[in-house]
N, C-alpha and C. Protein backbone atom coordinates (compact mmCIF):
# COMPACT_ATOMS: atom_id res chain seq x y z
N MET A 1 20.36 -14.27 -34.77
CA MET A 1 19.88 -13.89 -33.42
C MET A 1 20.54 -14.88 -32.25
N THR A 2 20.99 -14.43 -31.13
CA THR A 2 21.55 -14.87 -30.14
C THR A 2 20.35 -15.32 -29.11
N LYS A 3 19.97 -16.24 -28.54
CA LYS A 3 19.21 -16.63 -27.81
C LYS A 3 19.98 -16.64 -26.05
N SER A 4 19.66 -16.32 -25.13
CA SER A 4 20.10 -16.47 -24.00
C SER A 4 19.13 -16.68 -22.75
N ALA A 5 19.55 -17.47 -21.75
CA ALA A 5 18.65 -17.18 -20.56
C ALA A 5 18.89 -15.89 -20.00
N VAL A 6 17.59 -15.63 -19.21
CA VAL A 6 17.51 -14.44 -18.52
C VAL A 6 17.62 -15.00 -17.06
N LEU A 7 18.83 -14.66 -16.52
CA LEU A 7 19.14 -15.14 -15.07
C LEU A 7 18.68 -13.92 -14.11
N GLY A 8 17.77 -14.36 -13.11
CA GLY A 8 17.34 -13.41 -12.00
C GLY A 8 18.60 -13.36 -10.89
N PRO A 9 18.23 -12.50 -9.83
CA PRO A 9 19.16 -12.69 -9.18
C PRO A 9 19.29 -13.18 -7.95
N GLU A 10 20.17 -13.74 -7.16
CA GLU A 10 20.56 -15.05 -6.58
C GLU A 10 19.38 -14.83 -5.22
N ASP A 11 19.54 -13.96 -4.83
CA ASP A 11 18.65 -13.67 -3.29
C ASP A 11 17.85 -12.61 -3.69
N THR A 12 16.24 -13.09 -3.63
CA THR A 12 15.53 -11.99 -3.93
C THR A 12 14.63 -11.78 -2.64
N SER A 13 15.42 -12.34 -1.68
CA SER A 13 14.40 -12.02 -0.57
C SER A 13 14.79 -10.37 0.00
N VAL A 14 15.64 -9.89 -0.34
CA VAL A 14 15.80 -8.64 -0.08
C VAL A 14 14.63 -7.59 -0.45
N TRP A 15 14.11 -8.07 -1.76
CA TRP A 15 13.06 -7.17 -2.50
C TRP A 15 11.82 -7.90 -2.29
N SER A 16 10.70 -6.96 -2.31
CA SER A 16 9.51 -6.96 -2.42
C SER A 16 8.80 -6.04 -3.19
N ILE A 17 7.63 -6.57 -3.40
CA ILE A 17 6.82 -5.61 -4.54
C ILE A 17 5.86 -4.97 -3.38
N PRO A 18 6.24 -3.82 -3.67
CA PRO A 18 5.76 -2.20 -2.81
C PRO A 18 4.08 -2.45 -2.69
N ALA A 19 3.48 -2.22 -1.45
CA ALA A 19 2.04 -1.95 -1.99
C ALA A 19 1.66 -0.92 -2.34
N ARG A 20 2.15 0.16 -2.31
CA ARG A 20 1.92 1.40 -2.94
C ARG A 20 3.49 1.85 -3.87
N SER A 21 3.18 2.18 -4.90
CA SER A 21 4.48 2.68 -5.81
C SER A 21 4.67 4.30 -5.55
N SER A 22 6.07 4.68 -5.43
CA SER A 22 6.06 5.92 -5.47
C SER A 22 5.57 7.06 -6.59
N ALA A 23 5.33 8.25 -5.66
CA ALA A 23 4.88 9.09 -6.72
C ALA A 23 5.68 9.26 -8.02
N GLU A 24 6.93 9.26 -8.04
CA GLU A 24 7.75 9.34 -9.26
C GLU A 24 7.09 8.38 -10.38
N LEU A 25 7.16 6.97 -9.66
CA LEU A 25 6.83 6.23 -10.96
C LEU A 25 5.48 6.01 -11.01
N ARG A 26 4.53 6.23 -10.20
CA ARG A 26 2.93 6.22 -10.72
C ARG A 26 2.21 6.45 -12.23
N PRO A 27 3.24 7.75 -12.59
CA PRO A 27 2.83 7.86 -14.22
C PRO A 27 2.75 6.80 -14.97
N TYR A 28 3.88 6.11 -14.90
CA TYR A 28 4.88 5.12 -15.56
C TYR A 28 3.82 3.87 -15.32
N LEU A 29 3.34 3.40 -14.52
CA LEU A 29 2.53 2.26 -13.72
C LEU A 29 1.22 2.13 -14.04
N GLY A 30 0.58 3.49 -14.35
CA GLY A 30 -0.84 3.13 -14.22
C GLY A 30 -1.33 2.66 -15.55
N ALA A 31 -2.55 2.88 -15.36
CA ALA A 31 -3.72 2.55 -16.83
C ALA A 31 -3.44 3.70 -18.06
N SER A 32 -3.62 3.22 -19.29
CA SER A 32 -3.57 4.11 -19.87
C SER A 32 -4.60 3.60 -21.40
N PRO A 33 -4.64 4.50 -22.59
CA PRO A 33 -5.72 3.76 -23.53
C PRO A 33 -4.81 2.38 -24.05
N SER A 34 -3.59 2.10 -24.16
CA SER A 34 -3.30 0.81 -24.60
C SER A 34 -2.75 0.10 -23.07
N ILE A 35 -2.70 0.24 -22.05
CA ILE A 35 -2.10 -0.31 -21.20
C ILE A 35 -3.15 -0.39 -19.85
N GLU A 36 -4.17 -1.73 -19.70
CA GLU A 36 -5.06 -1.62 -19.07
C GLU A 36 -5.14 -2.16 -17.61
N THR A 37 -4.25 -1.56 -17.08
CA THR A 37 -3.71 -2.40 -15.77
C THR A 37 -5.03 -2.80 -14.71
N THR A 38 -5.88 -1.90 -15.01
CA THR A 38 -7.16 -1.83 -13.97
C THR A 38 -8.23 -2.38 -14.33
N HIS A 39 -8.18 -3.21 -15.45
CA HIS A 39 -9.21 -4.12 -15.95
C HIS A 39 -9.54 -5.17 -15.05
N ALA A 40 -10.48 -5.57 -14.86
CA ALA A 40 -10.90 -6.77 -13.63
C ALA A 40 -10.36 -7.92 -14.01
N GLU A 41 -10.92 -7.82 -15.68
CA GLU A 41 -10.47 -9.55 -16.22
C GLU A 41 -8.49 -9.73 -16.18
N ILE A 42 -8.08 -8.66 -16.25
CA ILE A 42 -6.76 -8.56 -16.34
C ILE A 42 -5.92 -8.97 -14.93
N LYS A 43 -6.52 -8.12 -13.74
CA LYS A 43 -6.54 -8.09 -12.60
C LYS A 43 -6.40 -10.01 -12.07
N ARG A 44 -7.93 -10.24 -12.33
CA ARG A 44 -8.09 -11.83 -12.22
C ARG A 44 -7.08 -12.63 -12.65
N LEU A 45 -7.07 -12.77 -13.90
CA LEU A 45 -5.69 -13.45 -14.75
C LEU A 45 -4.72 -13.33 -13.88
N ALA A 46 -4.12 -12.44 -13.63
CA ALA A 46 -2.87 -12.03 -13.29
C ALA A 46 -2.84 -12.67 -11.63
N GLY A 47 -3.78 -12.78 -11.05
CA GLY A 47 -4.06 -13.46 -9.76
C GLY A 47 -4.01 -14.72 -9.91
N ASP A 48 -4.61 -15.30 -10.74
CA ASP A 48 -4.72 -17.03 -11.14
C ASP A 48 -3.26 -17.25 -11.21
N ILE A 49 -2.54 -16.73 -12.48
CA ILE A 49 -1.05 -17.18 -12.85
C ILE A 49 -0.21 -17.23 -11.91
N VAL A 50 -0.12 -16.02 -10.82
CA VAL A 50 0.66 -16.18 -9.58
C VAL A 50 0.16 -16.70 -8.51
N GLN A 51 -0.70 -17.41 -8.45
CA GLN A 51 -1.53 -17.99 -7.09
C GLN A 51 -0.21 -19.11 -6.46
N ASP A 52 0.42 -20.07 -7.37
CA ASP A 52 1.34 -20.86 -6.84
C ASP A 52 2.85 -20.46 -6.64
N ALA A 53 2.93 -18.98 -7.03
CA ALA A 53 4.45 -18.60 -6.52
C ALA A 53 4.67 -18.03 -4.95
N ALA A 54 5.88 -18.58 -4.90
CA ALA A 54 6.09 -18.71 -3.34
C ALA A 54 6.59 -17.25 -2.99
N THR A 55 7.65 -16.52 -4.19
CA THR A 55 8.37 -15.38 -3.82
C THR A 55 7.69 -14.48 -5.05
N ASP A 56 7.95 -13.33 -4.64
CA ASP A 56 7.82 -12.22 -6.08
C ASP A 56 8.54 -12.40 -6.83
N TRP A 57 9.84 -12.72 -6.91
CA TRP A 57 10.52 -13.37 -8.38
C TRP A 57 9.85 -14.29 -8.82
N ASP A 58 9.12 -15.45 -7.89
CA ASP A 58 8.66 -16.07 -8.58
C ASP A 58 7.23 -15.85 -9.40
N LYS A 59 6.54 -14.87 -9.00
CA LYS A 59 5.24 -14.24 -9.55
C LYS A 59 5.87 -13.22 -10.80
N VAL A 60 6.97 -12.81 -10.96
CA VAL A 60 7.41 -12.33 -11.90
C VAL A 60 7.78 -13.19 -13.13
N LYS A 61 8.58 -14.34 -13.10
CA LYS A 61 8.98 -15.36 -13.41
C LYS A 61 7.65 -15.79 -14.34
N ALA A 62 6.34 -16.30 -13.21
CA ALA A 62 5.06 -17.06 -13.88
C ALA A 62 4.58 -15.90 -14.92
N ILE A 63 4.43 -14.63 -14.71
CA ILE A 63 3.69 -13.57 -15.29
C ILE A 63 4.56 -13.48 -16.87
N TYR A 64 6.04 -13.44 -16.69
CA TYR A 64 6.65 -13.70 -17.96
C TYR A 64 6.57 -14.64 -18.59
N ASN A 65 6.43 -15.89 -18.27
CA ASN A 65 6.08 -16.98 -18.87
C ASN A 65 4.82 -17.21 -19.52
N TRP A 66 3.70 -16.86 -18.88
CA TRP A 66 2.26 -16.79 -19.19
C TRP A 66 2.25 -15.90 -20.57
N VAL A 67 2.84 -14.71 -20.18
CA VAL A 67 2.74 -13.33 -21.33
C VAL A 67 3.52 -14.59 -22.63
N ARG A 68 4.71 -14.71 -22.70
CA ARG A 68 5.26 -15.57 -23.54
C ARG A 68 4.77 -16.66 -24.32
N ALA A 69 4.12 -17.63 -23.65
CA ALA A 69 3.15 -18.49 -24.30
C ALA A 69 1.95 -18.10 -24.61
N ASN A 70 1.31 -17.07 -24.25
CA ASN A 70 -0.01 -17.03 -24.50
C ASN A 70 -0.47 -15.72 -25.36
N VAL A 71 0.63 -14.70 -25.60
CA VAL A 71 0.54 -13.27 -26.11
C VAL A 71 0.84 -13.42 -27.51
N ARG A 72 0.26 -12.84 -28.33
CA ARG A 72 0.94 -13.03 -29.78
C ARG A 72 0.48 -11.77 -30.43
N TYR A 73 1.46 -11.00 -31.19
CA TYR A 73 1.59 -9.67 -31.60
C TYR A 73 0.39 -9.98 -32.83
N GLU A 74 -0.54 -9.00 -33.08
CA GLU A 74 -0.99 -9.11 -34.12
C GLU A 74 -1.28 -7.46 -34.78
N PHE A 75 -0.65 -7.20 -35.86
CA PHE A 75 -0.96 -5.83 -36.06
C PHE A 75 -2.43 -5.42 -36.52
N ASP A 76 -2.95 -4.38 -36.05
CA ASP A 76 -4.17 -4.15 -35.94
C ASP A 76 -4.46 -2.71 -35.81
N VAL A 77 -4.59 -1.52 -37.09
CA VAL A 77 -4.80 -0.38 -36.88
C VAL A 77 -5.72 0.36 -35.74
N ASP A 78 -6.98 -0.75 -35.68
CA ASP A 78 -7.94 -0.32 -34.39
C ASP A 78 -7.74 -1.00 -33.36
N LEU A 79 -6.90 -0.39 -32.48
CA LEU A 79 -6.75 -1.22 -31.12
C LEU A 79 -7.82 -1.94 -30.37
N GLN A 80 -7.74 -2.84 -29.80
CA GLN A 80 -8.61 -3.61 -29.11
C GLN A 80 -8.48 -3.73 -27.82
N GLY A 81 -9.68 -3.87 -26.93
CA GLY A 81 -9.25 -3.99 -25.67
C GLY A 81 -8.93 -5.21 -24.91
N PRO A 82 -8.60 -5.62 -23.65
CA PRO A 82 -8.40 -6.64 -23.50
C PRO A 82 -9.02 -8.19 -23.53
């Protein structure tokens, strides 16, 4: 296994998180039985994680780092909610 750093773009000021996603992408970004994007606790936690982020790219990194440090894979035949 080879481990390497994920390098972000040098200038992220040209990008921003849109207030509303395009109709073409919406089916892939919404809630589903295993992806609970609208769950109140998940939304609150995401807000807490990014509260000190200065840019949208910093938000991406903060969420990535939080998930990497806190989410563990455990196989379970019966899916559990958040």
